[in-house]
Protein backbone atom coordinates (compact mmCIF):
# COMPACT_ATOMS: atom_id res chain seq x y z
CA UNK A 1 22.45 -3.37 -22.90
CA UNK A 2 18.96 -2.77 -21.78
CA UNK A 3 17.76 -4.61 -24.50
CA UNK A 4 20.43 -7.91 -24.11
CA UNK A 5 18.92 -7.98 -20.52
CA UNK A 6 15.71 -8.03 -21.99
CA UNK A 7 16.43 -10.78 -24.34
CA UNK A 8 17.70 -12.82 -21.48
CA UNK A 9 14.58 -12.14 -19.19
CA UNK A 10 12.46 -13.81 -22.25
CA UNK A 11 14.44 -16.44 -21.89
CA UNK A 12 14.32 -16.71 -17.85
CA UNK A 13 9.95 -16.35 -18.36
CA UNK A 14 10.22 -19.42 -20.21
CA UNK A 15 11.92 -21.40 -17.60
CA UNK A 16 9.77 -19.74 -15.26
CA UNK A 17 6.47 -20.54 -16.76
CA UNK A 18 7.79 -24.09 -17.91
CA UNK A 19 8.76 -24.89 -14.13
CA UNK A 20 5.37 -23.10 -12.69
CA UNK A 21 7.59 -20.49 -10.82
CA UNK A 22 6.10 -16.93 -10.27
CA UNK A 23 7.27 -14.20 -12.44
CA UNK A 24 7.40 -11.68 -9.61
CA UNK A 25 9.49 -12.97 -6.53
CA UNK A 26 9.85 -10.13 -3.80
CA UNK A 27 13.13 -11.79 -2.23
CA UNK A 28 14.88 -11.17 -5.59
CA UNK A 29 13.35 -7.77 -5.84
CA UNK A 30 15.18 -7.15 -2.55
CA UNK A 31 18.17 -8.41 -3.72
CA UNK A 32 18.23 -6.68 -7.02
CA UNK A 33 17.77 -3.00 -5.33
CA UNK A 34 19.89 -3.67 -2.08
CA UNK A 35 22.63 -4.65 -4.98
CA UNK A 36 22.14 -1.46 -6.91
CA UNK A 37 21.95 1.28 -4.25
CA UNK A 38 25.20 -0.15 -2.60
CA UNK A 39 26.66 -0.15 -5.61
CA UNK A 40 26.14 3.75 -6.30
CA UNK A 41 28.38 6.05 -5.89
CA UNK A 42 26.17 9.33 -7.04
CA UNK A 43 25.55 12.16 -7.91
CA UNK A 44 22.42 10.24 -9.02
CA UNK A 45 20.49 9.68 -5.91
CA UNK A 46 19.39 6.36 -4.39
CA UNK A 47 16.00 7.36 -4.60
CA UNK A 48 15.90 7.92 -8.09
CA UNK A 49 18.13 5.01 -9.47
CA UNK A 50 15.79 2.73 -7.39
CA UNK A 51 12.99 4.02 -9.60
CA UNK A 52 14.71 3.37 -12.95
CA UNK A 53 15.00 -0.08 -11.62
CA UNK A 54 11.41 -0.73 -10.65
CA UNK A 55 10.64 0.87 -13.93
CA UNK A 56 13.30 -2.00 -15.49
CA UNK A 57 11.62 -4.49 -13.75
CA UNK A 58 8.33 -3.73 -14.53
CA UNK A 59 9.22 -4.05 -18.08
CA UNK A 60 10.52 -7.34 -17.44
CA UNK A 61 7.49 -8.30 -16.12
CA UNK A 62 5.97 -7.51 -19.11
CA UNK A 63 8.28 -9.61 -21.49
CA UNK A 64 8.10 -12.36 -19.08
CA UNK A 65 4.44 -12.47 -18.98
CA UNK A 66 1.47 -9.79 -18.06
CA UNK A 67 0.33 -9.04 -14.71
CA UNK A 68 -2.42 -7.33 -13.51
CA UNK A 69 -2.53 -5.65 -10.37
CA UNK A 70 -5.64 -4.60 -8.47
CA UNK A 71 -6.01 -2.02 -5.71
CA UNK A 72 -8.39 0.85 -4.20
CA UNK A 73 -9.53 3.01 -6.95
CA UNK A 74 -10.67 5.35 -8.47
CA UNK A 75 -7.60 5.93 -10.59
CA UNK A 76 -5.34 8.60 -8.76
CA UNK A 77 -5.78 7.39 -5.28
CA UNK A 78 -2.66 6.81 -3.03
CA UNK A 79 -3.04 3.14 -3.73
CA UNK A 80 -2.96 3.63 -7.13
CA UNK A 81 0.02 5.89 -6.91
CA UNK A 82 1.47 3.25 -4.18
CA UNK A 83 0.84 0.58 -7.00
CA UNK A 84 2.69 2.39 -9.68
CA UNK A 85 5.54 3.30 -7.79
CA UNK A 86 5.72 -0.31 -6.59
CA UNK A 87 5.58 -2.11 -9.69
CA UNK A 88 6.23 0.65 -12.62
CA UNK A 89 4.24 1.51 -15.37
CA UNK A 90 4.46 -1.88 -17.81
CA UNK A 91 1.85 -3.86 -15.58
CA UNK A 92 -1.62 -3.53 -15.93
CA UNK A 93 -3.49 -2.00 -13.16
CA UNK A 94 -7.41 -2.90 -12.16
CA UNK A 95 -9.68 -0.42 -10.09
CA UNK A 96 -11.15 -2.43 -7.56
CA UNK A 97 -13.45 -0.28 -6.15
CA UNK A 98 -13.14 -1.25 -2.07
CA UNK A 99 -10.62 -3.30 -0.29
CA UNK A 100 -12.86 -6.28 0.19
CA UNK A 101 -12.48 -6.31 -3.64
CA UNK A 102 -9.32 -6.30 -3.90
CA UNK A 103 -8.83 -9.53 -1.48
CA UNK A 104 -11.87 -11.30 -3.32
CA UNK A 105 -10.40 -11.12 -6.89
CA UNK A 106 -6.56 -11.73 -5.44
CA UNK A 107 -8.31 -15.12 -4.09
CA UNK A 108 -10.27 -15.97 -7.09
CA UNK A 109 -7.23 -15.27 -9.29
CA UNK A 110 -8.73 -12.38 -11.52
CA UNK A 111 -5.96 -10.41 -10.33
CA UNK A 112 -1.87 -11.84 -9.86
CA UNK A 113 -1.72 -9.56 -7.01
CA UNK A 114 -3.35 -6.89 -4.88
CA UNK A 115 -2.24 -3.83 -3.35
CA UNK A 116 -4.43 -2.59 -0.24
CA UNK A 117 -3.26 -0.14 2.72
CA UNK A 118 -2.25 -1.47 6.34
CA UNK A 119 -1.46 1.49 8.50
CA UNK A 120 -0.89 5.26 8.38
CA UNK A 121 1.42 7.12 10.26
CA UNK A 122 -0.79 9.53 11.57
CA UNK A 123 -4.01 8.02 11.34
CA UNK A 124 -3.13 4.26 12.80
CA UNK A 125 -4.47 1.01 11.44
CA UNK A 126 -6.78 0.71 8.44
CA UNK A 127 -9.92 -0.85 9.51
CA UNK A 128 -11.06 -2.36 6.08
CA UNK A 129 -8.07 -3.99 5.79
CA UNK A 130 -7.70 -5.32 8.83
CA UNK A 131 -11.43 -6.40 8.37
CA UNK A 132 -10.69 -8.11 4.95
CA UNK A 133 -7.80 -10.66 6.37
CA UNK A 134 -10.57 -11.63 8.79
CA UNK A 135 -13.03 -12.25 5.90
CA UNK A 136 -10.44 -14.04 4.37
CA UNK A 137 -9.38 -16.86 7.25
CA UNK A 138 -6.16 -16.58 6.45
CA UNK A 139 -6.53 -17.59 2.77
CA UNK A 140 -4.44 -15.32 1.62
CA UNK A 141 -0.48 -14.04 1.77
CA UNK A 142 0.98 -10.93 1.95
CA UNK A 143 4.05 -11.31 -0.40
CA UNK A 144 5.81 -7.67 -0.14
CA UNK A 145 5.15 -4.11 1.94
CA UNK A 146 5.32 -0.88 0.31
CA UNK A 147 6.09 2.66 2.01
CA UNK A 148 5.32 5.63 0.15
CA UNK A 149 5.25 9.43 1.59
CA UNK A 150 1.41 11.21 1.45
CA UNK A 151 1.64 14.58 0.43
CA UNK A 152 -1.44 16.69 -0.66
CA UNK A 153 -1.49 19.03 -3.39
CA UNK A 154 -4.08 22.02 -3.93
CA UNK A 155 -5.36 21.26 -7.42
CA UNK A 156 -7.44 23.29 -9.53
CA UNK A 157 -7.68 25.29 -13.18
CA UNK A 158 -8.24 29.00 -11.31
CA UNK A 159 -6.42 31.55 -9.85
CA UNK A 160 -5.65 30.43 -5.94
CA UNK A 161 -7.66 33.46 -5.30
CA UNK A 162 -10.77 32.46 -7.42
CA UNK A 163 -11.06 29.14 -4.89
CA UNK A 164 -14.30 28.97 -3.30
CA UNK A 165 -15.19 25.27 -2.91
CA UNK A 166 -12.53 22.41 -1.61
CA UNK A 167 -13.33 18.72 -2.26
CA UNK A 168 -11.79 16.12 -0.95
CA UNK A 169 -11.78 13.20 1.82
CA UNK A 170 -12.40 14.39 5.46
CA UNK A 171 -9.26 12.42 6.55
CA UNK A 172 -7.41 14.96 4.13
CA UNK A 173 -9.17 17.76 5.52
CA UNK A 174 -8.02 16.91 9.15
CA UNK A 175 -4.53 16.49 7.89
CA UNK A 176 -4.33 20.03 6.25
CA UNK A 177 -6.41 21.42 8.74
CA UNK A 178 -3.84 24.65 9.70
CA UNK A 179 -2.98 24.61 5.91
CA UNK A 180 -6.65 25.33 4.85
CA UNK A 181 -7.09 27.60 8.08
CA UNK A 182 -4.63 30.27 6.92
CA UNK A 183 -4.79 29.95 3.12
CA UNK A 184 -8.70 29.11 2.88
CA UNK A 185 -10.54 29.90 6.10
CA UNK A 186 -13.65 30.91 4.01
CA UNK A 187 -14.15 28.01 1.67
CA UNK A 188 -16.19 25.66 1.62
CA UNK A 189 -15.36 22.06 2.41
CA UNK A 190 -16.98 19.60 0.43
CA UNK A 191 -16.32 15.98 1.65
CA UNK A 192 -16.01 13.19 -0.92
CA UNK A 193 -15.86 9.16 -0.40
CA UNK A 194 -11.98 9.34 -2.03
CA UNK A 195 -9.53 11.85 -2.83
CA UNK A 196 -9.39 10.63 -6.29
CA UNK A 197 -13.11 10.86 -6.31
CA UNK A 198 -12.96 14.32 -4.90
CA UNK A 199 -10.50 15.50 -7.88
CA UNK A 200 -12.48 14.12 -10.25
CA UNK A 201 -15.91 15.74 -8.87
CA UNK A 202 -14.05 19.25 -9.19
CA UNK A 203 -12.91 18.50 -12.52
CA UNK A 204 -16.60 17.99 -13.82
CA UNK A 205 -17.33 21.24 -11.75
CA UNK A 206 -14.57 23.47 -13.68
CA UNK A 207 -15.40 22.06 -17.33
CA UNK A 208 -19.93 22.62 -16.29
CA UNK A 209 -18.19 26.31 -15.30
CA UNK A 210 -16.32 26.58 -18.51
CA UNK A 211 -19.08 25.90 -20.66
CA UNK A 212 -21.51 28.30 -19.13
CA UNK A 213 -18.89 31.37 -19.02
CA UNK A 214 -18.79 30.97 -15.19
CA UNK A 215 -15.80 31.39 -13.15
CA UNK A 216 -14.54 27.72 -12.23
CA UNK A 217 -13.99 28.23 -8.43
CA UNK A 218 -13.86 24.41 -7.51
CA UNK A 219 -10.49 22.80 -6.21
CA UNK A 220 -9.86 19.49 -4.50
CA UNK A 221 -6.91 17.86 -2.32
CA UNK A 222 -5.36 14.79 -3.96
CA UNK A 223 -2.13 13.48 -5.24
CA UNK A 224 -0.78 15.07 -8.18
CA UNK A 225 -1.07 11.75 -10.07
CA UNK A 226 -4.95 12.40 -9.80
CA UNK A 227 -4.65 16.23 -10.96
CA UNK A 228 -2.78 14.25 -14.06
CA UNK A 229 -5.40 12.18 -14.90
CA UNK A 230 -8.33 14.24 -14.40
CA UNK A 231 -7.10 17.68 -16.06
CA UNK A 232 -6.39 19.47 -12.88
CA UNK A 233 -3.11 21.74 -12.22
CA UNK A 234 -1.49 21.87 -8.73
CA UNK A 235 -1.75 25.21 -7.31
CA UNK A 236 0.10 24.42 -4.24
CA UNK A 237 2.11 21.09 -3.03
CA UNK A 238 3.19 19.34 0.20
CA UNK A 239 0.24 21.24 1.60
CA UNK A 240 -0.21 18.34 4.41
CA UNK A 241 0.55 19.84 8.12
CA UNK A 242 2.85 16.86 8.83
CA UNK A 243 5.41 16.35 6.33
CA UNK A 244 6.18 13.00 7.58
CA UNK A 245 3.03 11.35 6.50
CA UNK A 246 3.64 7.51 5.30
CA UNK A 247 1.33 5.14 4.52
CA UNK A 248 2.27 1.22 4.31
CA UNK A 249 0.75 -1.27 2.19
CA UNK A 250 0.54 -5.07 1.77
CA UNK A 251 1.31 -6.99 -1.59
CA UNK A 252 -1.18 -9.50 -1.14
CA UNK A 253 -1.34 -12.31 -3.41
CA UNK A 254 -1.33 -16.80 -3.37
CA UNK A 255 2.21 -16.79 -3.45
CA UNK A 256 4.74 -17.00 -0.31
CA UNK A 257 8.17 -15.13 -0.44
CA UNK A 258 11.31 -16.63 0.46
CA UNK A 259 13.70 -14.98 3.04
CA UNK A 260 16.20 -12.57 2.73
CA UNK A 261 17.46 -12.13 5.84
CA UNK A 262 15.86 -9.08 6.77
CA UNK A 263 11.85 -9.85 6.71
CA UNK A 264 9.19 -9.45 8.43
CA UNK A 265 6.23 -11.91 9.46
CA UNK A 266 2.60 -10.97 9.85
CA UNK A 267 0.11 -13.10 12.10
CA UNK A 268 -3.07 -12.60 12.85
CA UNK A 269 -4.81 -14.68 15.83
CA UNK A 270 -7.81 -15.20 18.34
CA UNK A 271 -6.77 -15.91 22.17
CA UNK A 272 -8.29 -18.64 23.91
CA UNK A 273 -10.74 -17.55 26.49
CA UNK A 274 -8.38 -17.48 30.08
CA UNK A 275 -7.01 -15.14 31.88
CA UNK A 276 -3.67 -13.57 30.13
CA UNK A 277 -3.85 -15.34 27.07
CA UNK A 278 -3.10 -12.19 25.25
CA UNK A 279 -0.06 -11.62 27.58
CA UNK A 280 1.19 -15.36 27.06
CA UNK A 281 1.04 -14.85 23.21
CA UNK A 282 3.67 -11.81 23.51
CA UNK A 283 5.64 -13.36 25.71
CA UNK A 284 6.31 -16.35 23.88
CA UNK A 285 7.94 -13.74 21.06
CA UNK A 286 10.07 -11.87 23.98
CA UNK A 287 11.66 -15.22 25.44
CA UNK A 288 12.64 -15.70 21.63
CA UNK A 289 14.18 -12.88 20.88
CA UNK A 290 11.85 -11.69 18.29
CA UNK A 291 11.15 -8.01 18.17
CA UNK A 292 7.14 -6.92 17.46
CA UNK A 293 6.85 -3.91 15.56
CA UNK A 294 3.21 -3.64 15.33
CA UNK A 295 0.09 -4.75 17.20
CA UNK A 296 -3.38 -3.95 16.24
CA UNK A 297 -6.88 -5.40 17.03
CA UNK A 298 -10.44 -5.57 15.55
CA UNK A 299 -13.91 -7.25 16.86
CA UNK A 300 -13.73 -10.76 15.98
CA UNK A 301 -17.52 -10.68 14.05
CA UNK A 302 -18.33 -13.64 15.75
CA UNK A 303 -18.88 -13.04 19.07
CA UNK A 304 -19.11 -9.75 21.02
CA UNK A 305 -16.38 -8.43 22.78
CA UNK A 306 -14.15 -11.35 21.34
CA UNK A 307 -11.09 -9.66 19.49
CA UNK A 308 -9.11 -10.57 16.72
CA UNK A 309 -5.07 -9.40 17.24
CA UNK A 310 -2.40 -8.78 14.04
CA UNK A 311 1.06 -8.50 15.41
CA UNK A 312 4.19 -7.67 12.58
CA UNK A 313 7.33 -9.75 13.72
CA UNK A 314 10.70 -9.58 12.87
CA UNK A 315 11.76 -11.84 10.92
CA UNK A 316 10.61 -14.76 8.72
CA UNK A 317 8.43 -17.71 9.17
CA UNK A 318 11.16 -20.15 8.29
CA UNK A 319 13.56 -18.73 10.86
CA UNK A 320 13.97 -21.56 13.61
CA UNK A 321 13.24 -18.90 16.33
CA UNK A 322 9.84 -17.66 14.58
CA UNK A 323 8.90 -21.13 13.81
CA UNK A 324 9.21 -21.78 16.99
CA UNK A 325 7.44 -18.88 18.86
CA UNK A 326 4.63 -19.39 16.37
CA UNK A 327 4.46 -22.80 17.42
CA UNK A 328 4.28 -22.44 20.96
CA UNK A 329 1.74 -19.21 20.50
CA UNK A 330 -0.65 -21.25 18.96
CA UNK A 331 -1.40 -23.34 22.09
CA UNK A 332 -2.55 -19.71 23.44
CA UNK A 333 -4.87 -19.34 20.86
CA UNK A 334 -8.41 -20.37 19.19
CA UNK A 335 -7.10 -19.80 15.85
CA UNK A 336 -3.69 -18.48 14.44
CA UNK A 337 -2.85 -17.79 10.78
CA UNK A 338 0.23 -16.70 9.75
CA UNK A 339 -0.61 -13.97 7.19
CA UNK A 340 2.84 -13.75 5.23
CA UNK A 341 6.58 -13.26 5.93
CA UNK A 342 8.01 -10.88 3.02
CA UNK A 343 11.06 -8.18 2.69
CA UNK A 344 11.10 -5.30 4.85
CA UNK A 345 10.26 -2.25 3.43
CA UNK A 346 13.51 -0.47 3.59
CA UNK A 347 13.19 2.96 2.04
CA UNK A 348 9.79 5.11 1.39
CA UNK A 349 8.72 5.75 -2.23
């Protein structure tokens, strides 16, 4: 039955290419997943069923047209993990090294979609992504959002008692502070540019130690995916102090998503230079009965002490209330860009 479905997928892909339609359609993906999960009577958990369907859709993408997904690397990063969980394993993944590079390659059409972290539940907004939106001038579209649970693991190829050095990103050390103080109060904590790079460095140190007959005392804190890629075993899983640590990602592209009835709209704007301009913008959405789920700001980068604001509003840009609120808000702004409307993420991967 899966292969019968795949044969139909090939025909669908031919029709889409002939009509110039996108292969990946987030609104349709949301409908398929919701329908499958509503039909689930167990005992298979919804999360497992969703994983099966995501892999099935990933294989369908490959049959219709190869997709290239850009992410913030190196391989094994949480961005890489989010990309694999969202798009499945049948697409191509491109390590683009920097968040700005993800935006640039999407704009140039060198990758079909890009994945960029926008917010962490404990650390707040990701400034590199906000700045990349500012630099893009609104010439990019958010077509989907992804939420993943961030679980840190201690990775090494030695017994737990032999760990002497631990590599990771400073923010990761902060998120595991209590666990580290309890389990490894005397270990040397070595900062790295990213958790996946830390895992790679620890793996290289282990190989060097083994080659000279020394005990490999190097470890790293990162994702289990990074451990699998670079050949380190998981000594301890889920060592983060906050087990509810979640990172939200945007899928960016040059296409727009159609309404699903349960959407968000992200907007970037600079207010006019007048008293109460920001309040005026926010009140527009209040009067329209539109809930704002997120607000952030960054220096505009043009004039000192001027700011670019970012908001997430519940609803689609094509909804009459949202369309009216956006139009009225623009009258209080120097610039206003709708960054995209997209299906609201309902589940944590």
